[in-house]
């Protein structure tokens, strides 16, 4: 690592906004046996099958005798509004 900051292009920045504004399809991930809901947490059953865009949304991790579980960020209304604005243009 050189200590330089990564600079995103406008298109990359817009793509990140759109990715973080989308809801995570937890039903599909649970149905496929990737995650299971445990209160406010999700138990990770198959980390290798968690999509990269979902991995980027992890905000907390916890480890116990059953394995590990995570919490995810939720898209804010402001982020969704901004994404909608970029998707129209």
N, C-alpha and C. Protein backbone atom coordinates (compact mmCIF):
# COMPACT_ATOMS: atom_id res chain seq x y z
N UNK A 1 0.85 -1.18 0.00
CA UNK A 1 0.00 0.00 0.00
C UNK A 1 0.89 1.24 0.00
N UNK A 2 0.55 2.18 -0.85
CA UNK A 2 1.37 3.37 -1.00
C UNK A 2 0.89 4.52 -0.15
N UNK A 3 -0.26 4.40 0.46
CA UNK A 3 -0.79 5.49 1.27
C UNK A 3 -1.64 6.45 0.45
N UNK A 4 -1.71 6.22 -0.85
CA UNK A 4 -2.53 7.08 -1.69
C UNK A 4 -3.99 6.70 -1.54
N UNK A 5 -4.85 7.67 -1.61
CA UNK A 5 -6.28 7.41 -1.52
C UNK A 5 -6.82 7.03 -2.90
N UNK A 6 -7.74 6.07 -2.90
CA UNK A 6 -8.40 5.72 -4.15
C UNK A 6 -9.37 6.83 -4.50
N UNK A 7 -9.34 7.25 -5.73
CA UNK A 7 -10.26 8.28 -6.19
C UNK A 7 -11.24 7.62 -7.14
N UNK A 8 -12.52 7.76 -6.82
CA UNK A 8 -13.56 7.17 -7.65
C UNK A 8 -13.92 8.10 -8.79
N UNK A 9 -14.20 7.51 -9.92
CA UNK A 9 -14.72 8.31 -11.03
C UNK A 9 -16.19 8.64 -10.72
N UNK A 10 -16.75 9.54 -11.46
CA UNK A 10 -18.16 9.90 -11.25
C UNK A 10 -19.06 8.67 -11.41
N UNK A 11 -18.81 7.88 -12.44
CA UNK A 11 -19.62 6.68 -12.69
C UNK A 11 -19.48 5.66 -11.56
N UNK A 12 -18.26 5.49 -11.03
CA UNK A 12 -18.06 4.56 -9.91
C UNK A 12 -18.79 5.05 -8.66
N UNK A 13 -18.74 6.35 -8.43
CA UNK A 13 -19.42 6.95 -7.28
C UNK A 13 -20.93 6.74 -7.38
N UNK A 14 -21.48 6.98 -8.55
CA UNK A 14 -22.91 6.79 -8.78
C UNK A 14 -23.28 5.33 -8.59
N UNK A 15 -22.47 4.42 -9.10
CA UNK A 15 -22.74 2.98 -8.95
C UNK A 15 -22.75 2.58 -7.48
N UNK A 16 -21.83 3.11 -6.68
CA UNK A 16 -21.81 2.81 -5.24
C UNK A 16 -23.06 3.33 -4.56
N UNK A 17 -23.50 4.52 -4.91
CA UNK A 17 -24.73 5.08 -4.35
C UNK A 17 -25.91 4.17 -4.67
N UNK A 18 -25.99 3.72 -5.90
CA UNK A 18 -27.09 2.84 -6.31
C UNK A 18 -27.02 1.52 -5.55
N UNK A 19 -25.83 0.94 -5.44
CA UNK A 19 -25.67 -0.33 -4.72
C UNK A 19 -26.11 -0.20 -3.26
N UNK A 20 -25.71 0.88 -2.59
CA UNK A 20 -26.03 1.06 -1.18
C UNK A 20 -27.46 1.51 -0.94
N UNK A 21 -28.17 1.87 -2.00
CA UNK A 21 -29.56 2.29 -1.86
C UNK A 21 -30.54 1.13 -2.03
N UNK A 22 -30.03 0.00 -2.53
CA UNK A 22 -30.90 -1.14 -2.81
C UNK A 22 -31.10 -1.98 -1.55
N UNK A 23 -32.29 -2.53 -1.42
CA UNK A 23 -32.59 -3.43 -0.31
C UNK A 23 -31.89 -4.76 -0.56
N UNK A 24 -31.44 -5.41 0.51
CA UNK A 24 -30.84 -6.73 0.40
C UNK A 24 -31.98 -7.75 0.36
N UNK A 25 -31.88 -8.71 -0.53
CA UNK A 25 -32.91 -9.75 -0.67
C UNK A 25 -32.64 -10.86 0.35
N UNK A 26 -33.01 -10.59 1.61
CA UNK A 26 -32.76 -11.56 2.67
C UNK A 26 -33.55 -12.85 2.48
N UNK A 27 -34.76 -12.73 1.95
CA UNK A 27 -35.59 -13.93 1.73
C UNK A 27 -34.88 -14.93 0.83
N UNK A 28 -34.29 -14.44 -0.23
CA UNK A 28 -33.56 -15.29 -1.17
C UNK A 28 -32.33 -15.91 -0.50
N UNK A 29 -31.59 -15.11 0.25
CA UNK A 29 -30.40 -15.61 0.92
C UNK A 29 -30.75 -16.66 1.98
N UNK A 30 -31.87 -16.46 2.66
CA UNK A 30 -32.31 -17.45 3.65
C UNK A 30 -32.80 -18.73 2.95
N UNK A 31 -33.56 -18.56 1.88
CA UNK A 31 -34.08 -19.71 1.13
C UNK A 31 -32.94 -20.56 0.55
N UNK A 32 -31.85 -19.89 0.14
CA UNK A 32 -30.71 -20.59 -0.44
C UNK A 32 -29.76 -21.16 0.62
N UNK A 33 -30.09 -20.97 1.91
CA UNK A 33 -29.27 -21.51 2.98
C UNK A 33 -27.98 -20.77 3.23
N UNK A 34 -27.94 -19.49 2.85
CA UNK A 34 -26.74 -18.68 3.02
C UNK A 34 -26.74 -18.01 4.39
N UNK A 35 -27.91 -17.48 4.80
CA UNK A 35 -28.08 -16.78 6.07
C UNK A 35 -29.33 -17.28 6.77
N UNK A 36 -29.38 -17.11 8.09
CA UNK A 36 -30.62 -17.30 8.84
C UNK A 36 -30.76 -16.13 9.81
N UNK A 37 -31.98 -15.66 9.98
CA UNK A 37 -32.26 -14.52 10.85
C UNK A 37 -32.24 -14.96 12.31
N UNK A 38 -31.54 -14.19 13.15
CA UNK A 38 -31.51 -14.41 14.60
C UNK A 38 -31.64 -13.06 15.28
N UNK A 39 -32.86 -12.65 15.55
CA UNK A 39 -33.09 -11.33 16.14
C UNK A 39 -32.71 -10.25 15.15
N UNK A 40 -31.86 -9.32 15.59
CA UNK A 40 -31.40 -8.24 14.71
C UNK A 40 -30.20 -8.68 13.88
N UNK A 41 -29.73 -9.90 14.10
CA UNK A 41 -28.54 -10.44 13.44
C UNK A 41 -28.92 -11.47 12.40
N UNK A 42 -27.95 -11.77 11.53
CA UNK A 42 -28.08 -12.87 10.58
C UNK A 42 -26.92 -13.82 10.80
N UNK A 43 -27.24 -15.08 11.05
CA UNK A 43 -26.22 -16.12 11.18
C UNK A 43 -25.74 -16.46 9.77
N UNK A 44 -24.43 -16.46 9.58
CA UNK A 44 -23.85 -16.76 8.27
C UNK A 44 -23.57 -18.26 8.19
N UNK A 45 -24.22 -18.91 7.24
CA UNK A 45 -24.04 -20.34 7.06
C UNK A 45 -23.03 -20.66 5.95
N UNK A 46 -23.03 -19.81 4.92
CA UNK A 46 -22.13 -20.04 3.77
C UNK A 46 -21.58 -18.69 3.29
N UNK A 47 -20.52 -18.22 3.95
CA UNK A 47 -19.95 -16.91 3.63
C UNK A 47 -19.55 -16.81 2.16
N UNK A 48 -19.05 -17.88 1.60
CA UNK A 48 -18.59 -17.84 0.21
C UNK A 48 -19.73 -17.56 -0.76
N UNK A 49 -20.98 -17.77 -0.34
CA UNK A 49 -22.13 -17.51 -1.21
C UNK A 49 -22.79 -16.15 -0.96
N UNK A 50 -22.26 -15.41 0.01
CA UNK A 50 -22.79 -14.06 0.26
C UNK A 50 -22.26 -13.16 -0.86
N UNK A 51 -23.16 -12.53 -1.64
CA UNK A 51 -22.71 -11.68 -2.75
C UNK A 51 -21.83 -10.53 -2.26
N UNK A 52 -20.90 -10.12 -3.09
CA UNK A 52 -19.94 -9.07 -2.73
C UNK A 52 -20.64 -7.77 -2.33
N UNK A 53 -21.69 -7.39 -3.06
CA UNK A 53 -22.39 -6.15 -2.71
C UNK A 53 -23.07 -6.24 -1.35
N UNK A 54 -23.45 -7.44 -0.92
CA UNK A 54 -24.04 -7.64 0.40
C UNK A 54 -22.94 -7.63 1.46
N UNK A 55 -21.80 -8.22 1.18
CA UNK A 55 -20.67 -8.22 2.12
C UNK A 55 -20.26 -6.80 2.48
N UNK A 56 -20.31 -5.92 1.50
CA UNK A 56 -19.90 -4.53 1.73
C UNK A 56 -20.84 -3.81 2.69
N UNK A 57 -22.01 -4.36 2.92
CA UNK A 57 -23.01 -3.73 3.79
C UNK A 57 -22.94 -4.20 5.24
N UNK A 58 -21.98 -5.09 5.57
CA UNK A 58 -21.83 -5.57 6.94
C UNK A 58 -21.38 -4.42 7.82
N UNK A 59 -22.10 -4.22 8.94
CA UNK A 59 -21.74 -3.14 9.87
C UNK A 59 -21.21 -3.68 11.19
N UNK A 60 -21.51 -4.93 11.52
CA UNK A 60 -21.05 -5.53 12.77
C UNK A 60 -20.93 -7.04 12.59
N UNK A 61 -19.97 -7.62 13.30
CA UNK A 61 -19.78 -9.07 13.27
C UNK A 61 -19.65 -9.57 14.71
N UNK A 62 -20.13 -10.78 14.94
CA UNK A 62 -20.02 -11.40 16.25
C UNK A 62 -19.72 -12.88 16.06
N UNK A 63 -18.92 -13.41 16.93
CA UNK A 63 -18.52 -14.82 16.84
C UNK A 63 -18.93 -15.52 18.13
N UNK A 64 -19.52 -16.70 18.01
CA UNK A 64 -19.86 -17.50 19.18
C UNK A 64 -19.67 -18.97 18.86
N UNK A 65 -20.10 -19.86 19.75
CA UNK A 65 -19.86 -21.29 19.55
C UNK A 65 -20.58 -21.88 18.34
N UNK A 66 -21.62 -21.17 17.84
CA UNK A 66 -22.36 -21.65 16.66
C UNK A 66 -21.74 -21.17 15.35
N UNK A 67 -20.80 -20.27 15.42
CA UNK A 67 -20.22 -19.68 14.21
C UNK A 67 -20.24 -18.17 14.31
N UNK A 68 -20.41 -17.51 13.18
CA UNK A 68 -20.47 -16.05 13.26
C UNK A 68 -21.75 -15.50 12.65
N UNK A 69 -22.07 -14.30 13.12
CA UNK A 69 -23.27 -13.63 12.63
C UNK A 69 -22.94 -12.17 12.37
N UNK A 70 -23.77 -11.54 11.56
CA UNK A 70 -23.51 -10.17 11.12
C UNK A 70 -24.77 -9.32 11.16
N UNK A 71 -24.55 -8.01 11.16
CA UNK A 71 -25.62 -7.04 10.96
C UNK A 71 -25.29 -6.28 9.69
N UNK A 72 -26.33 -5.81 9.02
CA UNK A 72 -26.15 -5.10 7.76
C UNK A 72 -26.69 -3.69 7.85
N UNK A 73 -26.11 -2.79 7.07
CA UNK A 73 -26.64 -1.43 6.99
C UNK A 73 -27.91 -1.44 6.16
N UNK A 74 -28.82 -0.55 6.51
CA UNK A 74 -30.05 -0.39 5.75
C UNK A 74 -29.90 0.88 4.91
N UNK A 75 -30.47 0.89 3.73
CA UNK A 75 -30.38 2.11 2.92
C UNK A 75 -31.21 3.23 3.54
N UNK A 76 -30.64 4.42 3.56
CA UNK A 76 -31.37 5.57 4.09
C UNK A 76 -32.28 6.13 3.00
N UNK A 77 -33.30 6.85 3.41
CA UNK A 77 -34.21 7.48 2.44
C UNK A 77 -33.44 8.46 1.55
N UNK A 78 -32.49 9.18 2.15
CA UNK A 78 -31.70 10.15 1.39
C UNK A 78 -30.87 9.45 0.31
N UNK A 79 -30.29 8.31 0.67
CA UNK A 79 -29.50 7.54 -0.29
C UNK A 79 -30.39 7.03 -1.42
N UNK A 80 -31.59 6.57 -1.08
CA UNK A 80 -32.52 6.08 -2.10
C UNK A 80 -32.97 7.22 -3.02
N UNK A 81 -33.19 8.40 -2.46
CA UNK A 81 -33.59 9.55 -3.27
C UNK A 81 -32.46 9.94 -4.23
N UNK A 82 -31.24 9.92 -3.70
CA UNK A 82 -30.09 10.28 -4.54
C UNK A 82 -29.90 9.26 -5.66
N UNK A 83 -30.05 7.98 -5.35
CA UNK A 83 -29.92 6.94 -6.36
C UNK A 83 -31.00 7.09 -7.42
N UNK A 84 -32.22 7.39 -7.01
CA UNK A 84 -33.32 7.57 -7.96
C UNK A 84 -33.03 8.74 -8.89
N UNK A 85 -32.45 9.78 -8.35
CA UNK A 85 -32.10 10.96 -9.16
C UNK A 85 -31.07 10.58 -10.22
N UNK A 86 -30.06 9.79 -9.84
CA UNK A 86 -29.01 9.40 -10.79
C UNK A 86 -29.54 8.41 -11.81
N UNK A 87 -30.47 7.55 -11.41
CA UNK A 87 -31.00 6.56 -12.35
C UNK A 87 -31.90 7.20 -13.40
N UNK A 88 -32.48 8.35 -13.09
CA UNK A 88 -33.32 9.05 -14.07
C UNK A 88 -32.47 9.72 -15.14
N UNK A 89 -31.27 10.17 -14.76
CA UNK A 89 -30.43 10.92 -15.72
C UNK A 89 -29.59 10.04 -16.58
